[in-house]
Amino acid sequence: MARQRSKSDLPTKICPVCGLPFTWRKKWANCWDEVKYCSERCRRRRSQTGED
């Protein structure tokens, strides 16, 4: 069996809405380059920050 990756080895990004770092998730495996926000809540609040 393959050894599991530790969470510290996963890529991270900074959410432009809340400013907190978030890490890669398996559900984002195919679209990690397009992911901008850490959560659905931040995605909905994006208009308050002046982004797109």
PDB file of N, CA and C in Angstrom:
ATOM      1  N   MET A   1       0.823  -1.192   0.000  1.00  0.00           N
ATOM      2  CA  MET A   1       0.000   0.000   0.000  1.00  0.00           C
ATOM      3  C   MET A   1       0.866   1.255   0.000  1.00  0.00           C
ATOM      4  N   ALA A   2       0.408   2.275  -0.674  1.00  0.00           N
ATOM      5  CA  ALA A   2       1.166   3.516  -0.763  1.00  0.00           C
ATOM      6  C   ALA A   2       1.088   4.294   0.554  1.00  0.00           C
ATOM      7  N   ARG A   3       2.168   4.971   0.840  1.00  0.00           N
ATOM      8  CA  ARG A   3       2.206   5.791   2.047  1.00  0.00           C
ATOM      9  C   ARG A   3       1.372   7.048   1.846  1.00  0.00           C
ATOM     10  N   GLN A   4       0.609   7.438   2.858  1.00  0.00           N
ATOM     11  CA  GLN A   4      -0.220   8.627   2.746  1.00  0.00           C
ATOM     12  C   GLN A   4       0.619   9.883   2.879  1.00  0.00           C
ATOM     13  N   ARG A   5       0.174  10.915   2.213  1.00  0.00           N
ATOM     14  CA  ARG A   5       0.817  12.221   2.296  1.00  0.00           C
ATOM     15  C   ARG A   5       0.404  12.922   3.578  1.00  0.00           C
ATOM     16  N   SER A   6       1.331  13.634   4.172  1.00  0.00           N
ATOM     17  CA  SER A   6       0.943  14.424   5.341  1.00  0.00           C
ATOM     18  C   SER A   6       0.317  15.730   4.846  1.00  0.00           C
ATOM     19  N   LYS A   7      -0.512  16.324   5.684  1.00  0.00           N
ATOM     20  CA  LYS A   7      -1.229  17.533   5.274  1.00  0.00           C
ATOM     21  C   LYS A   7      -0.276  18.680   4.963  1.00  0.00           C
ATOM     22  N   SER A   8       0.877  18.708   5.617  1.00  0.00           N
ATOM     23  CA  SER A   8       1.833  19.783   5.372  1.00  0.00           C
ATOM     24  C   SER A   8       2.481  19.691   3.984  1.00  0.00           C
ATOM     25  N   ASP A   9       2.386  18.533   3.338  1.00  0.00           N
ATOM     26  CA  ASP A   9       2.948  18.350   1.992  1.00  0.00           C
ATOM     27  C   ASP A   9       1.994  18.808   0.888  1.00  0.00           C
ATOM     28  N   LEU A  10       0.735  19.078   1.225  1.00  0.00           N
ATOM     29  CA  LEU A  10      -0.248  19.469   0.219  1.00  0.00           C
ATOM     30  C   LEU A  10      -0.097  20.941  -0.142  1.00  0.00           C
ATOM     31  N   PRO A  11      -0.433  21.306  -1.396  1.00  0.00           N
ATOM     32  CA  PRO A  11      -0.337  22.716  -1.795  1.00  0.00           C
ATOM     33  C   PRO A  11      -1.379  23.571  -1.065  1.00  0.00           C
ATOM     34  N   THR A  12      -1.060  24.832  -0.891  1.00  0.00           N
ATOM     35  CA  THR A  12      -1.979  25.751  -0.221  1.00  0.00           C
ATOM     36  C   THR A  12      -2.178  27.007  -1.064  1.00  0.00           C
ATOM     37  N   LYS A  13      -3.264  27.718  -0.792  1.00  0.00           N
ATOM     38  CA  LYS A  13      -3.563  29.014  -1.403  1.00  0.00           C
ATOM     39  C   LYS A  13      -4.112  29.916  -0.310  1.00  0.00           C
ATOM     40  N   ILE A  14      -4.141  31.216  -0.578  1.00  0.00           N
ATOM     41  CA  ILE A  14      -4.713  32.191   0.342  1.00  0.00           C
ATOM     42  C   ILE A  14      -6.062  32.649  -0.228  1.00  0.00           C
ATOM     43  N   CYS A  15      -7.086  32.601   0.581  1.00  0.00           N
ATOM     44  CA  CYS A  15      -8.420  33.033   0.159  1.00  0.00           C
ATOM     45  C   CYS A  15      -8.442  34.559   0.080  1.00  0.00           C
ATOM     46  N   PRO A  16      -8.859  35.142  -1.053  1.00  0.00           N
ATOM     47  CA  PRO A  16      -8.875  36.600  -1.188  1.00  0.00           C
ATOM     48  C   PRO A  16      -9.958  37.282  -0.354  1.00  0.00           C
ATOM     49  N   VAL A  17     -10.957  36.548   0.122  1.00  0.00           N
ATOM     50  CA  VAL A  17     -12.043  37.133   0.899  1.00  0.00           C
ATOM     51  C   VAL A  17     -11.690  37.197   2.375  1.00  0.00           C
ATOM     52  N   CYS A  18     -11.330  36.038   2.960  1.00  0.00           N
ATOM     53  CA  CYS A  18     -11.061  36.012   4.399  1.00  0.00           C
ATOM     54  C   CYS A  18      -9.575  36.132   4.727  1.00  0.00           C
ATOM     55  N   GLY A  19      -8.702  35.919   3.732  1.00  0.00           N
ATOM     56  CA  GLY A  19      -7.268  36.062   3.946  1.00  0.00           C
ATOM     57  C   GLY A  19      -6.604  34.882   4.633  1.00  0.00           C
ATOM     58  N   LEU A  20      -7.343  33.804   4.836  1.00  0.00           N
ATOM     59  CA  LEU A  20      -6.780  32.629   5.502  1.00  0.00           C
ATOM     60  C   LEU A  20      -6.270  31.617   4.479  1.00  0.00           C
ATOM     61  N   PRO A  21      -5.223  30.865   4.846  1.00  0.00           N
ATOM     62  CA  PRO A  21      -4.725  29.831   3.938  1.00  0.00           C
ATOM     63  C   PRO A  21      -5.650  28.614   3.940  1.00  0.00           C
ATOM     64  N   PHE A  22      -5.762  27.970   2.798  1.00  0.00           N
ATOM     65  CA  PHE A  22      -6.501  26.711   2.730  1.00  0.00           C
ATOM     66  C   PHE A  22      -5.708  25.721   1.903  1.00  0.00           C
ATOM     67  N   THR A  23      -5.895  24.435   2.182  1.00  0.00           N
ATOM     68  CA  THR A  23      -5.101  23.397   1.528  1.00  0.00           C
ATOM     69  C   THR A  23      -5.924  22.654   0.479  1.00  0.00           C
ATOM     70  N   TRP A  24      -5.204  21.978  -0.391  1.00  0.00           N
ATOM     71  CA  TRP A  24      -5.773  21.175  -1.464  1.00  0.00           C
ATOM     72  C   TRP A  24      -6.707  20.129  -0.878  1.00  0.00           C
ATOM     73  N   ARG A  25      -7.812  19.879  -1.577  1.00  0.00           N
ATOM     74  CA  ARG A  25      -8.750  18.824  -1.203  1.00  0.00           C
ATOM     75  C   ARG A  25      -8.925  17.883  -2.383  1.00  0.00           C
ATOM     76  N   LYS A  26      -9.225  16.637  -2.076  1.00  0.00           N
ATOM     77  CA  LYS A  26      -9.361  15.648  -3.144  1.00  0.00           C
ATOM     78  C   LYS A  26     -10.441  16.029  -4.152  1.00  0.00           C
ATOM     79  N   LYS A  27     -11.529  16.659  -3.688  1.00  0.00           N
ATOM     80  CA  LYS A  27     -12.598  17.043  -4.617  1.00  0.00           C
ATOM     81  C   LYS A  27     -12.149  18.129  -5.592  1.00  0.00           C
ATOM     82  N   TRP A  28     -11.040  18.816  -5.273  1.00  0.00           N
ATOM     83  CA  TRP A  28     -10.489  19.844  -6.149  1.00  0.00           C
ATOM     84  C   TRP A  28      -9.361  19.309  -7.033  1.00  0.00           C
ATOM     85  N   ALA A  29      -9.175  18.013  -7.093  1.00  0.00           N
ATOM     86  CA  ALA A  29      -8.052  17.421  -7.823  1.00  0.00           C
ATOM     87  C   ALA A  29      -8.042  17.834  -9.298  1.00  0.00           C
ATOM     88  N   ASN A  30      -9.207  17.897  -9.930  1.00  0.00           N
ATOM     89  CA  ASN A  30      -9.273  18.216 -11.362  1.00  0.00           C
ATOM     90  C   ASN A  30      -9.372  19.700 -11.657  1.00  0.00           C
ATOM     91  N   CYS A  31      -9.597  20.524 -10.640  1.00  0.00           N
ATOM     92  CA  CYS A  31      -9.815  21.948 -10.911  1.00  0.00           C
ATOM     93  C   CYS A  31      -9.051  22.847  -9.935  1.00  0.00           C
ATOM     94  N   TRP A  32      -7.947  22.379  -9.379  1.00  0.00           N
ATOM     95  CA  TRP A  32      -7.197  23.151  -8.379  1.00  0.00           C
ATOM     96  C   TRP A  32      -6.758  24.507  -8.910  1.00  0.00           C
ATOM     97  N   ASP A  33      -6.428  24.610 -10.175  1.00  0.00           N
ATOM     98  CA  ASP A  33      -5.982  25.886 -10.747  1.00  0.00           C
ATOM     99  C   ASP A  33      -7.098  26.934 -10.770  1.00  0.00           C
ATOM    100  N   GLU A  34      -8.347  26.492 -10.864  1.00  0.00           N
ATOM    101  CA  GLU A  34      -9.481  27.414 -10.902  1.00  0.00           C
ATOM    102  C   GLU A  34     -10.001  27.774  -9.504  1.00  0.00           C
ATOM    103  N   VAL A  35      -9.624  27.024  -8.484  1.00  0.00           N
ATOM    104  CA  VAL A  35     -10.129  27.270  -7.127  1.00  0.00           C
ATOM    105  C   VAL A  35      -9.529  28.563  -6.586  1.00  0.00           C
ATOM    106  N   LYS A  36     -10.410  29.489  -6.138  1.00  0.00           N
ATOM    107  CA  LYS A  36      -9.958  30.770  -5.603  1.00  0.00           C
ATOM    108  C   LYS A  36     -10.337  30.948  -4.138  1.00  0.00           C
ATOM    109  N   TYR A  37     -11.464  30.358  -3.737  1.00  0.00           N
ATOM    110  CA  TYR A  37     -12.026  30.618  -2.421  1.00  0.00           C
ATOM    111  C   TYR A  37     -11.990  29.370  -1.555  1.00  0.00           C
ATOM    112  N   CYS A  38     -11.844  29.565  -0.246  1.00  0.00           N
ATOM    113  CA  CYS A  38     -11.715  28.437   0.680  1.00  0.00           C
ATOM    114  C   CYS A  38     -13.035  27.735   0.941  1.00  0.00           C
ATOM    115  N   SER A  39     -14.149  28.435   0.729  1.00  0.00           N
ATOM    116  CA  SER A  39     -15.451  27.853   1.036  1.00  0.00           C
ATOM    117  C   SER A  39     -16.527  28.479   0.173  1.00  0.00           C
ATOM    118  N   GLU A  40     -17.694  27.872   0.219  1.00  0.00           N
ATOM    119  CA  GLU A  40     -18.852  28.406  -0.488  1.00  0.00           C
ATOM    120  C   GLU A  40     -19.247  29.758   0.109  1.00  0.00           C
ATOM    121  N   ARG A  41     -19.115  29.892   1.404  1.00  0.00           N
ATOM    122  CA  ARG A  41     -19.441  31.159   2.063  1.00  0.00           C
ATOM    123  C   ARG A  41     -18.567  32.300   1.525  1.00  0.00           C
ATOM    124  N   CYS A  42     -17.274  32.069   1.399  1.00  0.00           N
ATOM    125  CA  CYS A  42     -16.375  33.094   0.870  1.00  0.00           C
ATOM    126  C   CYS A  42     -16.665  33.373  -0.603  1.00  0.00           C
ATOM    127  N   ARG A  43     -17.026  32.348  -1.353  1.00  0.00           N
ATOM    128  CA  ARG A  43     -17.355  32.545  -2.767  1.00  0.00           C
ATOM    129  C   ARG A  43     -18.571  33.456  -2.897  1.00  0.00           C
ATOM    130  N   ARG A  44     -19.575  33.284  -2.030  1.00  0.00           N
ATOM    131  CA  ARG A  44     -20.766  34.130  -2.068  1.00  0.00           C
ATOM    132  C   ARG A  44     -20.466  35.551  -1.610  1.00  0.00           C
ATOM    133  N   ARG A  45     -19.506  35.733  -0.721  1.00  0.00           N
ATOM    134  CA  ARG A  45     -19.179  37.051  -0.182  1.00  0.00           C
ATOM    135  C   ARG A  45     -18.172  37.812  -1.037  1.00  0.00           C
ATOM    136  N   ARG A  46     -17.742  37.247  -2.159  1.00  0.00           N
ATOM    137  CA  ARG A  46     -16.688  37.862  -2.970  1.00  0.00           C
ATOM    138  C   ARG A  46     -17.039  39.248  -3.467  1.00  0.00           C
ATOM    139  N   SER A  47     -18.323  39.524  -3.711  1.00  0.00           N
ATOM    140  CA  SER A  47     -18.717  40.830  -4.231  1.00  0.00           C
ATOM    141  C   SER A  47     -18.497  41.945  -3.202  1.00  0.00           C
ATOM    142  N   GLN A  48     -18.464  41.607  -1.916  1.00  0.00           N
ATOM    143  CA  GLN A  48     -18.247  42.603  -0.874  1.00  0.00           C
ATOM    144  C   GLN A  48     -16.803  43.084  -0.833  1.00  0.00           C
ATOM    145  N   THR A  49     -15.879  42.304  -1.370  1.00  0.00           N
ATOM    146  CA  THR A  49     -14.462  42.672  -1.341  1.00  0.00           C
ATOM    147  C   THR A  49     -14.045  43.490  -2.548  1.00  0.00           C
ATOM    148  N   GLY A  50     -14.928  43.613  -3.547  1.00  0.00           N
ATOM    149  CA  GLY A  50     -14.593  44.381  -4.734  1.00  0.00           C
ATOM    150  C   GLY A  50     -13.947  43.547  -5.825  1.00  0.00           C
ATOM    151  N   GLU A  51     -13.858  42.221  -5.639  1.00  0.00           N
ATOM    152  CA  GLU A  51     -13.320  41.350  -6.684  1.00  0.00           C
ATOM    153  C   GLU A  51     -14.416  41.049  -7.689  1.00  0.00           C
ATOM    154  N   ASP A  52     -14.049  40.605  -8.902  1.00  0.00           N
ATOM    155  CA  ASP A  52     -14.961  40.344  -9.993  1.00  0.00           C
ATOM    156  C   ASP A  52     -16.385  40.544  -9.582  1.00  0.00           C
TER     157      ASP A  52
END
